[in-house]
Amino acid sequence: MALLGITKYAAALGGLVLSSLSLGCGDALIDSEFRGKAVWQFSGGLERKGSSADNAASVRMAMFWNPKGELGRDPTEFVEQLSTGVKQQLPSPFLINMFEYPGAEHIARTPDGRSRGFGIGRLLVYVDNDLDGRYSSGDSFAGILPNRAFLYVPADLPAWATPTNSGLPAGLYPVALPQRCDASIPTGTDADNCGVKLGSSCQQDSTCGSSGVCLRETDVPWPTGYCAVADSSTTTCRPKQSAYYGVPKYGLTPKGISGYYLQSCQVDQDCGNMGIGMGNRDTGLYVCDKGLLACVPQAGGKLPVGGEPDLEPFCIGGQ
């Protein structure tokens, strides 16, 4: 399937496309030379956590697409994109190759079967108990990339048609979870952003001013620290020039915090060392989330394997 405007949006993938990494860390379902050049790649590392995969010498991982879109969190109902499947050792780095874009079976649909014009994927790991090279009823899920989903949009979508509360350009890219969707959020009103230089590097809260907090770790790391304004029942100043990020259901969030006001953006370059308010950043540490329109950490990193996967809801307050 051709991806409209893919050249225009290839730059948005940034550090995700790591063609220099070896394919040797995983054994693809079909030989990579037979399938040709990958149209998209994503890399990270598997780490053992929990006991469900202790007796497995290897596991499989693949991109799975939710037919219900932003609704439903039962991975047994998701549709595996078989061409992305790869066998992995534990622990090890991984490189997921996509040799063809998601098909019609991977697109979210209405209850009566109509296409919604987008797909929502999750990167899942499972124990392939029957060794048939795909997920089936006898297999068990053992891990998921935390706090990230993957949006596939074959053609530009207006805001009313998307699951993110903002228009989406054609492309394939990761988004941080949870997304705003239709949730009501407290509107920022302070034009000076409460004296906080959102997104700037920090080591501790005091670095960010009296109204700021320093994000270091939620369920993903925030490299070199990230100044933000926390939203809670006691917050008295909310930045106007900002983007809102609701706290993950499964994350390291202080009690009482319902979200954070982050540095807003339109393109990845807004989050680099020339971006407004981002300070002296190394290029690529932060990217512009296409749904939140906020500067967030570059996706990737560790994927824990073992135990029941915690599937973060796609939307704020999602079940």
Protein backbone atom coordinates (compact mmCIF):
# COMPACT_ATOMS: atom_id res chain seq x y z
CA MET A 1 0.00 0.00 0.00
CA ALA A 2 1.40 3.36 -0.96
CA LEU A 3 1.74 5.90 1.84
CA LEU A 4 0.66 9.35 0.67
CA GLY A 5 3.25 12.00 1.36
CA ILE A 6 5.75 9.59 2.91
CA THR A 7 8.73 11.57 1.63
CA LYS A 8 7.44 14.69 3.35
CA TYR A 9 7.10 12.91 6.66
CA ALA A 10 10.17 10.65 6.58
CA ALA A 11 12.14 13.26 8.51
CA ALA A 12 9.66 12.96 11.39
CA LEU A 13 10.86 9.44 12.03
CA GLY A 14 14.23 10.95 13.04
CA GLY A 15 16.32 8.60 15.15
CA LEU A 16 13.86 5.74 14.73
CA VAL A 17 15.35 4.76 11.40
CA LEU A 18 18.63 3.17 12.33
CA SER A 19 19.71 1.38 9.20
CA SER A 20 23.19 0.80 10.55
CA LEU A 21 21.93 -1.67 13.15
CA SER A 22 22.38 -5.31 12.30
CA LEU A 23 19.40 -7.51 11.51
CA GLY A 24 21.21 -10.33 13.28
CA CYS A 25 19.58 -9.61 16.66
CA GLY A 26 16.34 -11.19 15.46
CA ASP A 27 15.29 -13.94 13.10
CA ALA A 28 12.65 -12.51 10.73
CA LEU A 29 9.59 -14.54 9.74
CA ILE A 30 10.71 -14.31 6.10
CA ASP A 31 14.26 -13.66 4.99
CA SER A 32 14.88 -9.90 4.75
CA GLU A 33 16.56 -10.18 1.36
CA PHE A 34 13.43 -11.82 -0.03
CA ARG A 35 11.21 -9.04 1.29
CA GLY A 36 13.43 -6.22 0.03
CA LYS A 37 14.13 -2.90 1.68
CA ALA A 38 12.27 -1.96 4.85
CA VAL A 39 9.93 1.02 4.53
CA TRP A 40 10.09 1.72 8.28
CA GLN A 41 12.21 0.60 11.22
CA PHE A 42 12.10 0.90 14.99
CA SER A 43 14.79 -0.08 17.48
CA GLY A 44 15.21 -0.57 21.21
CA GLY A 45 16.15 -3.25 23.71
CA LEU A 46 14.43 -6.15 25.47
CA GLU A 47 15.03 -6.65 29.18
CA ARG A 48 13.82 -9.51 31.33
CA LYS A 49 11.33 -8.45 34.00
CA GLY A 50 8.98 -10.83 35.76
CA SER A 51 8.69 -14.58 35.45
CA SER A 52 6.32 -15.36 32.57
CA ALA A 53 9.18 -15.68 30.09
CA ASP A 54 11.74 -17.32 32.41
CA ASN A 55 11.51 -20.69 30.69
CA ALA A 56 11.56 -19.27 27.18
CA ALA A 57 14.90 -19.30 25.40
CA SER A 58 13.42 -16.83 22.92
CA VAL A 59 10.27 -14.85 22.31
CA ARG A 60 8.63 -13.22 19.31
CA MET A 61 7.72 -9.59 18.89
CA ALA A 62 5.61 -7.85 16.28
CA MET A 63 3.40 -4.86 15.62
CA PHE A 64 -0.24 -5.50 16.54
CA TRP A 65 -3.10 -3.27 15.39
CA ASN A 66 -6.26 -2.56 17.38
CA PRO A 67 -9.41 -2.94 15.23
CA LYS A 68 -11.29 -0.81 17.78
CA GLY A 69 -8.88 2.09 17.37
CA GLU A 70 -8.52 4.01 20.61
CA LEU A 71 -11.07 1.79 22.36
CA GLY A 72 -10.46 -1.61 23.95
CA ARG A 73 -7.23 -2.87 25.48
CA ASP A 74 -7.45 -6.64 25.06
CA PRO A 75 -4.36 -7.65 23.02
CA THR A 76 -5.94 -10.99 22.09
CA GLU A 77 -8.32 -9.00 19.88
CA PHE A 78 -5.51 -7.14 18.11
CA VAL A 79 -4.39 -8.08 14.59
CA GLU A 80 -0.73 -9.04 14.17
CA GLN A 81 1.13 -7.58 11.23
CA LEU A 82 2.88 -10.82 10.36
CA SER A 83 5.55 -9.27 8.16
CA THR A 84 6.92 -7.39 11.20
CA GLY A 85 7.31 -10.54 13.32
CA VAL A 86 10.80 -11.30 14.59
CA LYS A 87 12.28 -13.89 16.94
CA GLN A 88 14.31 -12.44 19.83
CA GLN A 89 16.61 -13.68 22.56
CA LEU A 90 16.36 -12.35 26.12
CA PRO A 91 17.83 -9.89 26.86
CA SER A 92 18.91 -8.32 23.57
CA PRO A 93 18.61 -5.24 21.36
CA PHE A 94 15.85 -5.38 18.78
CA LEU A 95 15.18 -3.94 15.38
CA ILE A 96 11.65 -4.14 13.97
CA ASN A 97 11.45 -3.88 10.19
CA MET A 98 8.26 -3.03 8.34
CA PHE A 99 8.50 -4.23 4.74
CA GLU A 100 5.01 -3.13 3.78
CA TYR A 101 2.58 -0.64 5.24
CA PRO A 102 -0.40 -1.88 7.27
CA GLY A 103 -3.23 -3.33 5.20
CA ALA A 104 -6.98 -2.95 5.36
CA GLU A 105 -7.17 -5.58 8.12
CA HIS A 106 -5.06 -3.32 10.37
CA ILE A 107 -7.19 -0.17 10.03
CA ALA A 108 -9.58 0.82 12.84
CA ARG A 109 -13.25 0.40 11.97
CA THR A 110 -16.65 1.48 13.21
CA PRO A 111 -18.96 -1.17 14.72
CA ASP A 112 -20.65 -1.55 11.32
CA GLY A 113 -17.32 -2.15 9.59
CA ARG A 114 -16.54 1.22 8.00
CA SER A 115 -12.91 2.40 7.88
CA ARG A 116 -11.98 5.22 10.25
CA GLY A 117 -8.98 6.20 8.16
CA PHE A 118 -6.24 5.35 10.67
CA GLY A 119 -4.61 2.45 12.48
CA ILE A 120 -3.33 2.28 16.07
CA GLY A 121 -0.53 -0.20 16.63
CA ARG A 122 1.25 -1.50 19.73
CA LEU A 123 4.60 -3.26 19.85
CA LEU A 124 4.00 -6.53 21.74
CA VAL A 125 6.15 -9.48 22.78
CA TYR A 126 4.75 -12.98 23.14
CA VAL A 127 5.90 -16.50 23.93
CA ASP A 128 5.32 -18.57 20.78
CA ASN A 129 4.44 -21.82 22.55
CA ASP A 130 3.39 -23.71 19.40
CA LEU A 131 6.38 -22.41 17.39
CA ASP A 132 4.28 -21.50 14.36
CA GLY A 133 5.82 -18.04 13.93
CA ARG A 134 2.68 -16.07 14.78
CA TYR A 135 0.44 -15.29 17.74
CA SER A 136 -2.29 -17.88 18.28
CA SER A 137 -4.62 -18.90 21.10
CA GLY A 138 -2.03 -21.15 22.76
CA ASP A 139 0.53 -18.37 23.06
CA SER A 140 0.91 -15.79 25.82
CA PHE A 141 1.75 -12.10 25.76
CA ALA A 142 4.77 -11.19 27.87
CA GLY A 143 5.62 -7.54 27.21
CA ILE A 144 4.70 -4.26 25.53
CA LEU A 145 6.56 -1.08 24.67
CA PRO A 146 5.43 1.18 27.52
CA ASN A 147 3.55 4.41 27.00
CA ARG A 148 3.79 4.43 23.20
CA ALA A 149 1.39 3.64 20.39
CA PHE A 150 2.00 3.86 16.64
CA LEU A 151 -0.31 5.80 14.37
CA TYR A 152 -0.66 4.91 10.71
CA VAL A 153 -2.52 7.49 8.64
CA PRO A 154 -2.72 6.66 4.90
CA ALA A 155 -4.01 10.16 4.03
CA ASP A 156 -4.25 13.45 5.91
CA LEU A 157 -7.06 13.48 8.47
CA PRO A 158 -8.89 16.53 9.86
CA ALA A 159 -9.13 16.87 13.63
CA TRP A 160 -12.74 15.66 13.79
CA ALA A 161 -11.76 12.32 12.22
CA THR A 162 -8.72 11.57 14.37
CA PRO A 163 -8.41 9.93 17.80
CA THR A 164 -6.00 12.64 19.06
CA ASN A 165 -7.97 15.94 19.08
CA SER A 166 -5.67 17.38 16.40
CA GLY A 167 -5.38 16.99 12.65
CA LEU A 168 -3.00 14.26 11.54
CA PRO A 169 -0.74 14.34 8.49
CA ALA A 170 -0.26 11.20 6.45
CA GLY A 171 2.49 9.08 7.95
CA LEU A 172 3.53 6.38 10.38
CA TYR A 173 4.88 7.53 13.72
CA PRO A 174 4.91 6.88 17.48
CA VAL A 175 2.75 8.91 19.86
CA ALA A 176 2.99 9.20 23.63
CA LEU A 177 0.16 7.83 25.76
CA PRO A 178 -2.27 8.88 26.92
CA GLN A 179 -3.47 11.21 24.17
CA ARG A 180 -5.95 13.99 24.93
CA CYS A 181 -8.75 12.64 22.68
CA ASP A 182 -12.02 14.25 23.82
CA ALA A 183 -11.00 14.82 27.44
CA SER A 184 -11.61 18.24 28.94
CA ILE A 185 -8.42 19.77 30.33
CA PRO A 186 -7.78 22.90 32.40
CA THR A 187 -6.95 25.69 29.98
CA GLY A 188 -3.70 27.56 30.47
CA THR A 189 -4.10 31.31 30.89
CA ASP A 190 -0.70 32.70 31.91
CA ALA A 191 1.05 34.19 28.87
CA ASP A 192 4.43 34.09 30.65
CA ASN A 193 4.08 30.33 31.28
CA CYS A 194 4.16 30.91 35.04
CA GLY A 195 7.81 31.89 34.82
CA VAL A 196 8.82 28.39 33.69
CA LYS A 197 10.98 27.82 30.61
CA LEU A 198 9.09 24.71 29.50
CA GLY A 199 11.27 21.89 28.21
CA SER A 200 14.54 23.28 29.48
CA SER A 201 17.12 20.96 31.03
CA CYS A 202 17.04 20.46 34.79
CA GLN A 203 18.34 18.35 37.63
CA GLN A 204 15.74 19.17 40.29
CA ASP A 205 12.47 21.07 40.71
CA SER A 206 14.14 24.24 41.96
CA THR A 207 15.93 24.57 38.62
CA CYS A 208 12.55 25.18 36.97
CA GLY A 209 11.35 28.05 39.15
CA SER A 210 8.74 28.27 41.88
CA SER A 211 5.91 27.01 39.63
CA GLY A 212 7.84 24.30 37.81
CA VAL A 213 8.77 20.67 38.28
CA CYS A 214 11.63 18.68 36.79
CA LEU A 215 10.57 15.53 34.95
CA ARG A 216 13.27 12.86 35.16
CA GLU A 217 11.36 9.57 34.95
CA THR A 218 7.71 8.68 34.46
CA ASP A 219 7.39 5.31 32.77
CA VAL A 220 9.96 6.51 30.23
CA PRO A 221 13.11 8.56 30.89
CA TRP A 222 13.23 12.29 30.13
CA PRO A 223 16.87 12.78 29.05
CA THR A 224 18.76 15.61 30.82
CA GLY A 225 15.55 16.50 32.69
CA TYR A 226 12.57 18.50 31.44
CA CYS A 227 10.98 21.54 33.10
CA ALA A 228 7.19 21.38 33.16
CA VAL A 229 4.22 22.68 35.16
CA ALA A 230 2.25 20.04 37.01
CA ASP A 231 -1.55 20.09 37.00
CA SER A 232 -3.30 19.20 40.24
CA SER A 233 -6.20 20.35 42.39
CA THR A 234 -3.89 22.93 44.02
CA THR A 235 -2.38 24.38 40.82
CA THR A 236 -2.97 28.14 40.64
CA CYS A 237 -0.98 29.06 37.52
CA ARG A 238 -1.28 27.25 34.19
CA PRO A 239 0.89 28.11 31.15
CA LYS A 240 -0.91 29.46 28.10
CA GLN A 241 1.88 28.77 25.60
CA SER A 242 1.98 25.03 26.24
CA ALA A 243 0.61 21.58 25.39
CA TYR A 244 -1.11 19.27 27.86
CA TYR A 245 0.03 15.74 28.66
CA GLY A 246 -2.17 13.60 30.91
CA VAL A 247 -0.36 11.25 33.27
CA PRO A 248 -0.10 7.58 32.26
CA LYS A 249 -2.20 5.03 34.13
CA TYR A 250 0.91 2.87 34.52
CA GLY A 251 3.68 5.26 35.43
CA LEU A 252 5.78 6.84 38.15
CA THR A 253 3.59 9.87 38.83
CA PRO A 254 3.38 11.62 42.23
CA LYS A 255 0.00 11.28 43.91
CA GLY A 256 -2.45 14.03 43.03
CA ILE A 257 -0.86 14.98 39.70
CA SER A 258 -3.30 14.67 36.79
CA GLY A 259 -1.12 16.02 33.99
CA TYR A 260 1.74 18.25 32.90
CA TYR A 261 2.02 21.34 30.73
CA LEU A 262 4.84 20.78 28.25
CA GLN A 263 6.67 22.73 25.58
CA SER A 264 4.37 23.03 22.54
CA CYS A 265 5.58 22.36 19.01
CA GLN A 266 4.58 21.84 15.41
CA VAL A 267 7.66 20.03 14.05
CA ASP A 268 10.60 18.11 15.51
CA GLN A 269 12.92 21.08 14.98
CA ASP A 270 10.97 23.00 17.64
CA CYS A 271 12.27 20.46 20.18
CA GLY A 272 15.96 20.57 19.24
CA ASN A 273 18.72 22.88 20.39
CA MET A 274 17.16 25.68 18.31
CA GLY A 275 13.67 25.09 19.69
CA ILE A 276 11.91 27.70 21.78
CA GLY A 277 12.57 27.10 25.45
CA MET A 278 14.41 23.79 25.03
CA GLY A 279 17.85 25.11 26.00
CA ASN A 280 20.99 23.37 24.75
CA ARG A 281 19.53 20.02 23.74
CA ASP A 282 21.26 17.35 21.72
CA THR A 283 19.35 16.96 18.49
CA GLY A 284 17.08 13.90 18.54
CA LEU A 285 16.50 13.55 22.28
CA TYR A 286 13.03 15.05 21.94
CA VAL A 287 10.54 15.01 19.10
CA CYS A 288 7.21 16.69 18.39
CA ASP A 289 4.36 14.32 19.20
CA LYS A 290 1.91 14.53 16.29
CA GLY A 291 -1.12 14.06 18.54
CA LEU A 292 -0.18 16.09 21.63
CA LEU A 293 1.74 18.73 19.66
CA ALA A 294 4.18 18.65 22.58
CA CYS A 295 7.90 17.96 22.81
CA VAL A 296 8.28 14.46 24.28
CA PRO A 297 11.19 12.02 24.65
CA GLN A 298 12.22 10.17 21.51
CA ALA A 299 10.54 6.75 21.59
CA GLY A 300 12.60 3.60 22.00
CA GLY A 301 14.54 2.42 24.98
CA LYS A 302 13.76 -0.66 27.03
CA LEU A 303 10.83 -3.01 26.57
CA PRO A 304 10.29 -5.12 29.73
CA VAL A 305 9.45 -8.78 29.12
CA GLY A 306 7.81 -11.00 31.74
CA GLY A 307 4.54 -10.72 33.59
CA GLU A 308 1.21 -9.42 32.32
CA PRO A 309 1.70 -6.49 29.91
CA ASP A 310 0.24 -3.19 31.11
CA LEU A 311 -1.55 -1.76 28.09
CA GLU A 312 -1.73 1.96 28.64
CA PRO A 313 -5.11 3.40 27.58
CA PHE A 314 -4.87 5.44 24.40
CA CYS A 315 -6.92 8.33 25.80
CA ILE A 316 -6.84 10.28 29.06
CA GLY A 317 -9.19 8.48 31.43
CA GLY A 318 -9.51 5.51 29.08
CA GLN A 319 -10.51 2.13 30.44
